[in-house]
PDB file of N, CA and C in Angstrom:
ATOM      1  N   MET A   1     108.991 174.589 141.047  1.00  0.00           N
ATOM      2  CA  MET A   1     110.716 174.550 140.155  1.00  0.00           C
ATOM      3  C   MET A   1     111.624 174.812 141.273  1.00  0.00           C
ATOM      4  N   LEU A   2     111.395 175.182 142.389  1.00  0.00           N
ATOM      5  CA  LEU A   2     112.399 175.426 143.349  1.00  0.00           C
ATOM      6  C   LEU A   2     113.171 173.436 143.907  1.00  0.00           C
ATOM      7  N   THR A   3     111.695 172.567 144.022  1.00  0.00           N
ATOM      8  CA  THR A   3     111.533 171.290 144.748  1.00  0.00           C
ATOM      9  C   THR A   3     112.613 170.657 143.495  1.00  0.00           C
ATOM     10  N   MET A   4     112.270 171.116 142.553  1.00  0.00           N
ATOM     11  CA  MET A   4     112.820 170.202 141.186  1.00  0.00           C
ATOM     12  C   MET A   4     114.252 170.673 140.859  1.00  0.00           C
ATOM     13  N   MET A   5     114.463 171.667 141.416  1.00  0.00           N
ATOM     14  CA  MET A   5     116.394 171.958 141.566  1.00  0.00           C
ATOM     15  C   MET A   5     117.072 171.396 142.584  1.00  0.00           C
ATOM     16  N   MET A   6     116.398 171.283 143.823  1.00  0.00           N
ATOM     17  CA  MET A   6     116.543 170.472 144.535  1.00  0.00           C
ATOM     18  C   MET A   6     117.103 169.562 144.920  1.00  0.00           C
ATOM     19  N   SER A   7     116.072 169.033 144.013  1.00  0.00           N
ATOM     20  CA  SER A   7     115.985 167.253 144.123  1.00  0.00           C
ATOM     21  C   SER A   7     117.625 167.146 142.908  1.00  0.00           C
ATOM     22  N   ILE A   8     117.361 167.961 141.841  1.00  0.00           N
ATOM     23  CA  ILE A   8     118.783 168.230 141.136  1.00  0.00           C
ATOM     24  C   ILE A   8     120.196 167.776 141.749  1.00  0.00           C
ATOM     25  N   PHE A   9     120.278 168.935 142.628  1.00  0.00           N
ATOM     26  CA  PHE A   9     121.429 169.492 143.229  1.00  0.00           C
ATOM     27  C   PHE A   9     121.492 168.461 144.394  1.00  0.00           C
ATOM     28  N   HIS A  10     120.577 167.859 145.161  1.00  0.00           N
ATOM     29  CA  HIS A  10     121.087 166.321 145.576  1.00  0.00           C
ATOM     30  C   HIS A  10     121.175 165.246 145.119  1.00  0.00           C
ATOM     31  N   ARG A  11     121.675 165.171 143.454  1.00  0.00           N
ATOM     32  CA  ARG A  11     122.010 163.975 143.181  1.00  0.00           C
ATOM     33  C   ARG A  11     123.355 164.599 142.681  1.00  0.00           C
ATOM     34  N   LEU A  12     123.570 165.808 142.184  1.00  0.00           N
ATOM     35  CA  LEU A  12     124.257 166.255 142.137  1.00  0.00           C
ATOM     36  C   LEU A  12     125.606 166.224 143.263  1.00  0.00           C
ATOM     37  N   THR A  13     125.586 166.847 144.529  1.00  0.00           N
ATOM     38  CA  THR A  13     126.315 166.735 145.066  1.00  0.00           C
ATOM     39  C   THR A  13     126.091 165.176 145.913  1.00  0.00           C
ATOM     40  N   GLY A  14     125.287 164.264 145.541  1.00  0.00           N
ATOM     41  CA  GLY A  14     125.743 163.110 145.601  1.00  0.00           C
ATOM     42  C   GLY A  14     126.911 162.385 145.381  1.00  0.00           C
ATOM     43  N   VAL A  15     126.645 162.585 144.210  1.00  0.00           N
ATOM     44  CA  VAL A  15     127.837 162.325 142.973  1.00  0.00           C
ATOM     45  C   VAL A  15     129.279 163.136 143.443  1.00  0.00           C
ATOM     46  N   GLY A  16     129.179 163.982 143.452  1.00  0.00           N
ATOM     47  CA  GLY A  16     130.187 165.013 144.223  1.00  0.00           C
ATOM     48  C   GLY A  16     131.308 164.697 145.778  1.00  0.00           C
ATOM     49  N   LEU A  17     130.225 164.098 146.372  1.00  0.00           N
ATOM     50  CA  LEU A  17     130.691 163.591 147.979  1.00  0.00           C
ATOM     51  C   LEU A  17     131.837 162.121 147.013  1.00  0.00           C
ATOM     52  N   TYR A  18     131.329 161.758 146.277  1.00  0.00           N
ATOM     53  CA  TYR A  18     132.199 160.603 145.953  1.00  0.00           C
ATOM     54  C   TYR A  18     133.350 160.878 145.900  1.00  0.00           C
ATOM     55  N   PHE A  19     133.925 162.084 145.278  1.00  0.00           N
ATOM     56  CA  PHE A  19     135.253 162.726 145.045  1.00  0.00           C
ATOM     57  C   PHE A  19     135.732 163.347 146.395  1.00  0.00           C
ATOM     58  N   ALA A  20     134.879 163.556 147.083  1.00  0.00           N
ATOM     59  CA  ALA A  20     135.369 164.194 148.517  1.00  0.00           C
ATOM     60  C   ALA A  20     135.460 162.919 149.576  1.00  0.00           C
ATOM     61  N   VAL A  21     135.233 162.271 149.481  1.00  0.00           N
ATOM     62  CA  VAL A  21     135.336 161.034 150.046  1.00  0.00           C
ATOM     63  C   VAL A  21     136.637 160.457 149.725  1.00  0.00           C
ATOM     64  N   ALA A  22     137.111 160.706 148.518  1.00  0.00           N
ATOM     65  CA  ALA A  22     138.550 160.213 147.681  1.00  0.00           C
ATOM     66  C   ALA A  22     139.785 160.974 147.973  1.00  0.00           C
ATOM     67  N   ILE A  23     138.755 161.778 148.593  1.00  0.00           N
ATOM     68  CA  ILE A  23     139.996 163.040 149.059  1.00  0.00           C
ATOM     69  C   ILE A  23     140.375 162.935 150.485  1.00  0.00           C
ATOM     70  N   LEU A  24     139.196 162.689 151.246  1.00  0.00           N
ATOM     71  CA  LEU A  24     139.381 162.169 153.189  1.00  0.00           C
ATOM     72  C   LEU A  24     140.270 160.669 152.999  1.00  0.00           C
ATOM     73  N   ILE A  25     140.040 160.105 151.955  1.00  0.00           N
ATOM     74  CA  ILE A  25     140.704 158.412 152.007  1.00  0.00           C
ATOM     75  C   ILE A  25     142.261 158.941 152.083  1.00  0.00           C
ATOM     76  N   TRP A  26     142.668 159.510 150.929  1.00  0.00           N
ATOM     77  CA  TRP A  26     144.025 160.032 150.334  1.00  0.00           C
ATOM     78  C   TRP A  26     144.428 160.623 151.597  1.00  0.00           C
ATOM     79  N   TRP A  27     143.863 161.781 152.250  1.00  0.00           N
ATOM     80  CA  TRP A  27     144.530 162.222 153.448  1.00  0.00           C
ATOM     81  C   TRP A  27     144.598 161.080 154.622  1.00  0.00           C
ATOM     82  N   LEU A  28     143.462 159.940 154.797  1.00  0.00           N
ATOM     83  CA  LEU A  28     144.025 159.382 155.817  1.00  0.00           C
ATOM     84  C   LEU A  28     144.550 158.482 155.550  1.00  0.00           C
ATOM     85  N   MET A  29     145.124 157.859 154.473  1.00  0.00           N
ATOM     86  CA  MET A  29     146.364 156.940 153.677  1.00  0.00           C
ATOM     87  C   MET A  29     147.317 157.454 153.802  1.00  0.00           C
ATOM     88  N   ALA A  30     147.785 158.998 153.927  1.00  0.00           N
ATOM     89  CA  ALA A  30     148.563 160.092 153.963  1.00  0.00           C
ATOM     90  C   ALA A  30     149.388 159.892 155.230  1.00  0.00           C
ATOM     91  N   ALA A  31     148.407 159.761 156.048  1.00  0.00           N
ATOM     92  CA  ALA A  31     148.307 160.115 158.142  1.00  0.00           C
ATOM     93  C   ALA A  31     148.944 158.457 158.146  1.00  0.00           C
ATOM     94  N   ALA A  32     148.493 157.603 157.754  1.00  0.00           N
ATOM     95  CA  ALA A  32     149.079 156.427 157.968  1.00  0.00           C
ATOM     96  C   ALA A  32     150.292 155.660 157.692  1.00  0.00           C
ATOM     97  N   SER A  33     150.808 156.604 156.087  1.00  0.00           N
ATOM     98  CA  SER A  33     151.789 156.131 155.617  1.00  0.00           C
ATOM     99  C   SER A  33     153.080 156.503 156.137  1.00  0.00           C
ATOM    100  N   GLY A  34     152.786 157.752 157.023  1.00  0.00           N
ATOM    101  CA  GLY A  34     154.512 158.441 157.381  1.00  0.00           C
ATOM    102  C   GLY A  34     154.174 159.809 157.844  1.00  0.00           C
ATOM    103  N   PRO A  35     154.940 160.370 158.528  1.00  0.00           N
ATOM    104  CA  PRO A  35     154.634 161.924 159.095  1.00  0.00           C
ATOM    105  C   PRO A  35     154.982 162.732 157.567  1.00  0.00           C
ATOM    106  N   ALA A  36     156.107 162.469 156.855  1.00  0.00           N
ATOM    107  CA  ALA A  36     156.621 163.456 155.720  1.00  0.00           C
ATOM    108  C   ALA A  36     155.417 163.653 154.401  1.00  0.00           C
ATOM    109  N   TYR A  37     155.189 161.855 154.263  1.00  0.00           N
ATOM    110  CA  TYR A  37     153.726 161.937 153.186  1.00  0.00           C
ATOM    111  C   TYR A  37     152.760 162.634 153.504  1.00  0.00           C
ATOM    112  N   PHE A  38     152.382 162.774 154.875  1.00  0.00           N
ATOM    113  CA  PHE A  38     151.203 163.661 155.849  1.00  0.00           C
ATOM    114  C   PHE A  38     151.687 164.642 155.653  1.00  0.00           C
ATOM    115  N   GLU A  39     152.629 165.455 155.999  1.00  0.00           N
ATOM    116  CA  GLU A  39     152.750 166.849 155.781  1.00  0.00           C
ATOM    117  C   GLU A  39     153.086 167.382 154.461  1.00  0.00           C
ATOM    118  N   TRP A  40     153.341 166.427 153.376  1.00  0.00           N
ATOM    119  CA  TRP A  40     153.098 167.269 152.231  1.00  0.00           C
ATOM    120  C   TRP A  40     151.572 166.583 151.526  1.00  0.00           C
ATOM    121  N   VAL A  41     150.875 166.039 151.746  1.00  0.00           N
ATOM    122  CA  VAL A  41     149.328 166.127 151.601  1.00  0.00           C
ATOM    123  C   VAL A  41     148.665 167.118 152.620  1.00  0.00           C
ATOM    124  N   SER A  42     149.100 167.071 153.427  1.00  0.00           N
ATOM    125  CA  SER A  42     148.347 168.294 154.326  1.00  0.00           C
ATOM    126  C   SER A  42     148.730 169.986 153.846  1.00  0.00           C
ATOM    127  N   SER A  43     149.913 170.093 153.724  1.00  0.00           N
ATOM    128  CA  SER A  43     150.222 171.129 152.904  1.00  0.00           C
ATOM    129  C   SER A  43     149.614 171.456 151.785  1.00  0.00           C
ATOM    130  N   LEU A  44     149.289 170.585 150.715  1.00  0.00           N
ATOM    131  CA  LEU A  44     148.799 170.644 149.682  1.00  0.00           C
ATOM    132  C   LEU A  44     147.401 170.913 149.980  1.00  0.00           C
ATOM    133  N   LEU A  45     146.971 170.512 151.097  1.00  0.00           N
ATOM    134  CA  LEU A  45     145.129 170.456 151.199  1.00  0.00           C
ATOM    135  C   LEU A  45     145.193 172.042 151.704  1.00  0.00           C
ATOM    136  N   ALA A  46     145.962 172.942 152.325  1.00  0.00           N
ATOM    137  CA  ALA A  46     146.258 173.829 152.793  1.00  0.00           C
ATOM    138  C   ALA A  46     146.137 175.031 151.482  1.00  0.00           C
ATOM    139  N   THR A  47     146.527 174.921 150.535  1.00  0.00           N
ATOM    140  CA  THR A  47     146.590 175.879 149.460  1.00  0.00           C
ATOM    141  C   THR A  47     145.067 176.270 149.229  1.00  0.00           C
ATOM    142  N   TRP A  48     145.361 177.550 148.802  1.00  0.00           N
ATOM    143  CA  TRP A  48     143.817 177.930 148.671  1.00  0.00           C
ATOM    144  C   TRP A  48     142.699 177.489 147.852  1.00  0.00           C
ATOM    145  N   PRO A  49     143.224 176.921 146.347  1.00  0.00           N
ATOM    146  CA  PRO A  49     142.464 176.020 145.515  1.00  0.00           C
ATOM    147  C   PRO A  49     141.674 174.993 146.531  1.00  0.00           C
ATOM    148  N   ALA A  50     142.655 174.206 146.881  1.00  0.00           N
ATOM    149  CA  ALA A  50     142.738 172.934 147.655  1.00  0.00           C
ATOM    150  C   ALA A  50     141.318 173.361 148.911  1.00  0.00           C
ATOM    151  N   LYS A  51     141.379 174.502 149.437  1.00  0.00           N
ATOM    152  CA  LYS A  51     140.545 175.050 150.448  1.00  0.00           C
ATOM    153  C   LYS A  51     139.273 175.351 149.805  1.00  0.00           C
ATOM    154  N   ILE A  52     138.836 175.403 148.631  1.00  0.00           N
ATOM    155  CA  ILE A  52     137.880 175.951 147.612  1.00  0.00           C
ATOM    156  C   ILE A  52     136.927 174.840 147.708  1.00  0.00           C
ATOM    157  N   ILE A  53     137.994 174.023 147.354  1.00  0.00           N
ATOM    158  CA  ILE A  53     137.030 172.481 146.739  1.00  0.00           C
ATOM    159  C   ILE A  53     136.869 172.185 148.674  1.00  0.00           C
ATOM    160  N   LEU A  54     137.482 172.163 149.709  1.00  0.00           N
ATOM    161  CA  LEU A  54     137.077 171.370 150.432  1.00  0.00           C
ATOM    162  C   LEU A  54     135.781 172.218 150.967  1.00  0.00           C
ATOM    163  N   ILE A  55     135.771 173.590 150.571  1.00  0.00           N
ATOM    164  CA  ILE A  55     134.488 174.537 151.033  1.00  0.00           C
ATOM    165  C   ILE A  55     133.440 173.932 150.676  1.00  0.00           C
ATOM    166  N   LEU A  56     133.662 173.685 149.160  1.00  0.00           N
ATOM    167  CA  LEU A  56     132.328 173.192 148.290  1.00  0.00           C
ATOM    168  C   LEU A  56     132.142 171.869 148.592  1.00  0.00           C
ATOM    169  N   ALA A  57     132.928 171.046 149.406  1.00  0.00           N
ATOM    170  CA  ALA A  57     132.597 169.430 149.533  1.00  0.00           C
ATOM    171  C   ALA A  57     132.018 169.783 150.705  1.00  0.00           C
ATOM    172  N   THR A  58     132.353 170.378 151.738  1.00  0.00           N
ATOM    173  CA  THR A  58     131.359 171.088 153.002  1.00  0.00           C
ATOM    174  C   THR A  58     130.116 171.236 152.666  1.00  0.00           C
ATOM    175  N   TRP A  59     130.147 172.062 151.990  1.00  0.00           N
ATOM    176  CA  TRP A  59     128.605 172.967 151.302  1.00  0.00           C
ATOM    177  C   TRP A  59     127.546 171.481 150.638  1.00  0.00           C
ATOM    178  N   ALA A  60     128.503 170.817 149.870  1.00  0.00           N
ATOM    179  CA  ALA A  60     127.415 169.435 149.122  1.00  0.00           C
ATOM    180  C   ALA A  60     127.104 168.638 150.358  1.00  0.00           C
ATOM    181  N   PHE A  61     128.104 168.303 151.464  1.00  0.00           N
ATOM    182  CA  PHE A  61     127.850 167.547 152.509  1.00  0.00           C
ATOM    183  C   PHE A  61     126.358 167.902 153.015  1.00  0.00           C
ATOM    184  N   PHE A  62     126.459 169.379 153.087  1.00  0.00           N
ATOM    185  CA  PHE A  62     125.307 169.754 154.142  1.00  0.00           C
ATOM    186  C   PHE A  62     123.939 169.711 152.842  1.00  0.00           C
ATOM    187  N   HIS A  63     124.419 170.177 152.283  1.00  0.00           N
ATOM    188  CA  HIS A  63     123.139 170.142 151.135  1.00  0.00           C
ATOM    189  C   HIS A  63     122.452 168.628 150.889  1.00  0.00           C
ATOM    190  N   HIS A  64     123.251 167.935 151.075  1.00  0.00           N
ATOM    191  CA  HIS A  64     122.744 166.354 150.174  1.00  0.00           C
ATOM    192  C   HIS A  64     122.590 165.713 151.888  1.00  0.00           C
ATOM    193  N   MET A  65     123.139 166.280 152.912  1.00  0.00           N
ATOM    194  CA  MET A  65     122.346 165.688 154.350  1.00  0.00           C
ATOM    195  C   MET A  65     120.852 166.217 154.447  1.00  0.00           C
ATOM    196  N   ILE A  66     120.602 167.587 153.986  1.00  0.00           N
ATOM    197  CA  ILE A  66     119.420 168.428 154.322  1.00  0.00           C
ATOM    198  C   ILE A  66     118.345 167.918 153.377  1.00  0.00           C
ATOM    199  N   GLY A  67     118.563 167.670 151.931  1.00  0.00           N
ATOM    200  CA  GLY A  67     117.924 166.886 150.883  1.00  0.00           C
ATOM    201  C   GLY A  67     117.483 165.576 151.610  1.00  0.00           C
ATOM    202  N   GLY A  68     118.339 164.715 151.722  1.00  0.00           N
ATOM    203  CA  GLY A  68     117.890 163.895 152.680  1.00  0.00           C
ATOM    204  C   GLY A  68     117.180 163.263 153.731  1.00  0.00           C
ATOM    205  N   ILE A  69     117.608 164.574 154.831  1.00  0.00           N
ATOM    206  CA  ILE A  69     115.930 164.775 155.565  1.00  0.00           C
ATOM    207  C   ILE A  69     115.013 164.787 155.146  1.00  0.00           C
ATOM    208  N   ARG A  70     114.795 165.659 153.791  1.00  0.00           N
ATOM    209  CA  ARG A  70     113.599 166.221 153.456  1.00  0.00           C
ATOM    210  C   ARG A  70     113.238 164.946 153.128  1.00  0.00           C
ATOM    211  N   HIS A  71     113.797 164.026 152.520  1.00  0.00           N
ATOM    212  CA  HIS A  71     113.615 162.592 151.448  1.00  0.00           C
ATOM    213  C   HIS A  71     113.029 161.709 152.159  1.00  0.00           C
ATOM    214  N   PHE A  72     113.602 161.933 153.984  1.00  0.00           N
ATOM    215  CA  PHE A  72     113.093 160.936 154.771  1.00  0.00           C
ATOM    216  C   PHE A  72     111.786 161.496 155.662  1.00  0.00           C
ATOM    217  N   ILE A  73     111.514 162.859 155.184  1.00  0.00           N
ATOM    218  CA  ILE A  73     110.191 163.026 155.603  1.00  0.00           C
ATOM    219  C   ILE A  73     109.162 162.486 154.968  1.00  0.00           C
ATOM    220  N   TRP A  74     109.279 162.901 153.656  1.00  0.00           N
ATOM    221  CA  TRP A  74     108.864 162.510 152.251  1.00  0.00           C
ATOM    222  C   TRP A  74     108.100 161.029 152.742  1.00  0.00           C
ATOM    223  N   ASP A  75     109.469 160.057 153.092  1.00  0.00           N
ATOM    224  CA  ASP A  75     109.402 158.958 153.140  1.00  0.00           C
ATOM    225  C   ASP A  75     108.268 158.503 154.073  1.00  0.00           C
ATOM    226  N   SER A  76     108.370 159.333 155.304  1.00  0.00           N
ATOM    227  CA  SER A  76     107.310 159.397 156.292  1.00  0.00           C
ATOM    228  C   SER A  76     105.931 159.327 156.340  1.00  0.00           C
ATOM    229  N   LEU A  77     105.492 159.919 155.105  1.00  0.00           N
ATOM    230  CA  LEU A  77     104.551 160.391 154.404  1.00  0.00           C
ATOM    231  C   LEU A  77     103.521 161.715 155.412  1.00  0.00           C
ATOM    232  N   HIS A  78     104.673 162.296 155.371  1.00  0.00           N
ATOM    233  CA  HIS A  78     104.529 163.708 156.099  1.00  0.00           C
ATOM    234  C   HIS A  78     105.047 165.061 154.934  1.00  0.00           C
ATOM    235  N   GLY A  79     104.337 166.153 154.988  1.00  0.00           N
ATOM    236  CA  GLY A  79     105.283 167.371 154.302  1.00  0.00           C
ATOM    237  C   GLY A  79     105.040 167.330 152.776  1.00  0.00           C
ATOM    238  N   PHE A  80     103.711 166.633 152.451  1.00  0.00           N
ATOM    239  CA  PHE A  80     103.216 166.673 151.441  1.00  0.00           C
ATOM    240  C   PHE A  80     102.674 168.028 150.874  1.00  0.00           C
ATOM    241  N   LYS A  81     102.121 169.132 151.949  1.00  0.00           N
ATOM    242  CA  LYS A  81     101.518 170.262 151.603  1.00  0.00           C
ATOM    243  C   LYS A  81     102.100 171.364 151.247  1.00  0.00           C
ATOM    244  N   LEU A  82     101.318 171.377 150.141  1.00  0.00           N
ATOM    245  CA  LEU A  82     102.586 172.632 148.806  1.00  0.00           C
ATOM    246  C   LEU A  82     103.180 173.630 149.874  1.00  0.00           C
ATOM    247  N   GLY A  83     103.051 174.100 151.194  1.00  0.00           N
ATOM    248  CA  GLY A  83     103.333 175.266 151.859  1.00  0.00           C
ATOM    249  C   GLY A  83     104.495 174.397 152.505  1.00  0.00           C
ATOM    250  N   GLN A  84     104.788 173.209 152.504  1.00  0.00           N
ATOM    251  CA  GLN A  84     105.821 172.679 153.495  1.00  0.00           C
ATOM    252  C   GLN A  84     106.516 172.337 152.509  1.00  0.00           C
ATOM    253  N   ILE A  85     106.032 171.641 151.727  1.00  0.00           N
ATOM    254  CA  ILE A  85     107.224 171.237 150.378  1.00  0.00           C
ATOM    255  C   ILE A  85     108.027 172.394 149.684  1.00  0.00           C
ATOM    256  N   GLU A  86     107.337 173.902 149.728  1.00  0.00           N
ATOM    257  CA  GLU A  86     108.077 174.537 149.734  1.00  0.00           C
ATOM    258  C   GLU A  86     109.330 175.298 150.243  1.00  0.00           C
ATOM    259  N   ALA A  87     108.705 175.053 151.910  1.00  0.00           N
ATOM    260  CA  ALA A  87     109.256 175.183 153.260  1.00  0.00           C
ATOM    261  C   ALA A  87     110.202 174.774 152.977  1.00  0.00           C
ATOM    262  N   MET A  88     110.448 173.185 152.882  1.00  0.00           N
ATOM    263  CA  MET A  88     111.116 172.659 153.030  1.00  0.00           C
ATOM    264  C   MET A  88     112.719 172.840 151.969  1.00  0.00           C
ATOM    265  N   ALA A  89     111.825 173.283 150.667  1.00  0.00           N
ATOM    266  CA  ALA A  89     113.069 173.490 149.617  1.00  0.00           C
ATOM    267  C   ALA A  89     113.801 174.762 149.848  1.00  0.00           C
ATOM    268  N   ARG A  90     113.057 175.345 150.367  1.00  0.00           N
ATOM    269  CA  ARG A  90     113.851 176.923 150.807  1.00  0.00           C
ATOM    270  C   ARG A  90     115.156 176.593 152.284  1.00  0.00           C
ATOM    271  N   LEU A  91     114.866 175.557 152.976  1.00  0.00           N
ATOM    272  CA  LEU A  91     115.604 175.816 153.689  1.00  0.00           C
ATOM    273  C   LEU A  91     116.641 174.737 153.466  1.00  0.00           C
ATOM    274  N   ASN A  92     116.176 173.892 152.122  1.00  0.00           N
ATOM    275  CA  ASN A  92     117.613 172.872 151.487  1.00  0.00           C
ATOM    276  C   ASN A  92     118.348 174.232 150.637  1.00  0.00           C
ATOM    277  N   VAL A  93     117.829 175.299 150.356  1.00  0.00           N
ATOM    278  CA  VAL A  93     118.490 176.498 149.983  1.00  0.00           C
ATOM    279  C   VAL A  93     119.655 177.361 150.784  1.00  0.00           C
ATOM    280  N   VAL A  94     119.067 177.653 151.962  1.00  0.00           N
ATOM    281  CA  VAL A  94     119.420 178.899 152.862  1.00  0.00           C
ATOM    282  C   VAL A  94     120.366 177.820 154.171  1.00  0.00           C
ATOM    283  N   LEU A  95     120.439 176.864 154.475  1.00  0.00           N
ATOM    284  CA  LEU A  95     120.883 176.212 155.898  1.00  0.00           C
ATOM    285  C   LEU A  95     122.080 175.852 155.212  1.00  0.00           C
ATOM    286  N   PRO A  96     122.001 174.976 154.261  1.00  0.00           N
ATOM    287  CA  PRO A  96     124.029 174.445 153.801  1.00  0.00           C
ATOM    288  C   PRO A  96     124.875 175.820 153.712  1.00  0.00           C
ATOM    289  N   PRO A  97     124.892 176.624 153.037  1.00  0.00           N
ATOM    290  CA  PRO A  97     125.334 177.395 153.662  1.00  0.00           C
ATOM    291  C   PRO A  97     125.806 178.323 154.615  1.00  0.00           C
ATOM    292  N   ILE A  98     125.016 178.235 155.940  1.00  0.00           N
ATOM    293  CA  ILE A  98     124.862 178.616 156.742  1.00  0.00           C
ATOM    294  C   ILE A  98     125.819 177.417 157.711  1.00  0.00           C
ATOM    295  N   PHE A  99     125.139 176.198 157.654  1.00  0.00           N
ATOM    296  CA  PHE A  99     126.006 175.609 158.669  1.00  0.00           C
ATOM    297  C   PHE A  99     127.604 175.240 157.843  1.00  0.00           C
ATOM    298  N   THR A 100     127.718 175.191 155.786  1.00  0.00           N
ATOM    299  CA  THR A 100     129.341 175.198 156.208  1.00  0.00           C
ATOM    300  C   THR A 100     130.142 176.951 156.585  1.00  0.00           C
ATOM    301  N   ALA A 101     129.467 177.689 156.476  1.00  0.00           N
ATOM    302  CA  ALA A 101     130.106 178.986 157.114  1.00  0.00           C
ATOM    303  C   ALA A 101     130.380 178.805 159.108  1.00  0.00           C
ATOM    304  N   ILE A 102     129.638 178.125 159.156  1.00  0.00           N
ATOM    305  CA  ILE A 102     129.666 177.676 160.955  1.00  0.00           C
ATOM    306  C   ILE A 102     130.601 176.891 161.100  1.00  0.00           C
ATOM    307  N   LEU A 103     131.094 175.876 160.135  1.00  0.00           N
ATOM    308  CA  LEU A 103     131.819 174.877 160.340  1.00  0.00           C
ATOM    309  C   LEU A 103     133.332 175.112 160.226  1.00  0.00           C
ATOM    310  N   TRP A 104     133.235 176.206 158.989  1.00  0.00           N
ATOM    311  CA  TRP A 104     134.593 176.735 158.462  1.00  0.00           C
ATOM    312  C   TRP A 104     135.375 177.828 159.300  1.00  0.00           C
ATOM    313  N   VAL A 105     133.900 178.238 160.238  1.00  0.00           N
ATOM    314  CA  VAL A 105     134.802 179.801 161.351  1.00  0.00           C
ATOM    315  C   VAL A 105     135.456 179.031 162.406  1.00  0.00           C
ATOM    316  N   MET A 106     134.549 177.868 162.588  1.00  0.00           N
ATOM    317  CA  MET A 106     135.011 177.277 163.898  1.00  0.00           C
ATOM    318  C   MET A 106     136.555 176.350 163.919  1.00  0.00           C
ATOM    319  N   LEU A 107     136.626 176.117 162.465  1.00  0.00           N
ATOM    320  CA  LEU A 107     138.321 175.327 162.107  1.00  0.00           C
ATOM    321  C   LEU A 107     139.387 176.203 162.132  1.00  0.00           C
TER     322      LEU A 107
END
């Protein structure tokens, strides 16, 4: 059941990352457009609702990355024992919030 849920979340986070990349591209385009527009976009992204979205996008990135590593391990024909499958699914639950918290504390 947990492995199935992680597979579903892997797909959902992949879709969500499209929107996160759109925000990143918007921010980079603002930086290239000039200081006034960049300042406006940066101030908008500094609001609490935007920070929540950015934190969720960070979590989605780490969740998708760890899920991708799990699938890469499976593609190399390793990790198919029941205990290993369950352990990798549990890591996919535990590690993304930890990595997200570490990154945002560092920022």
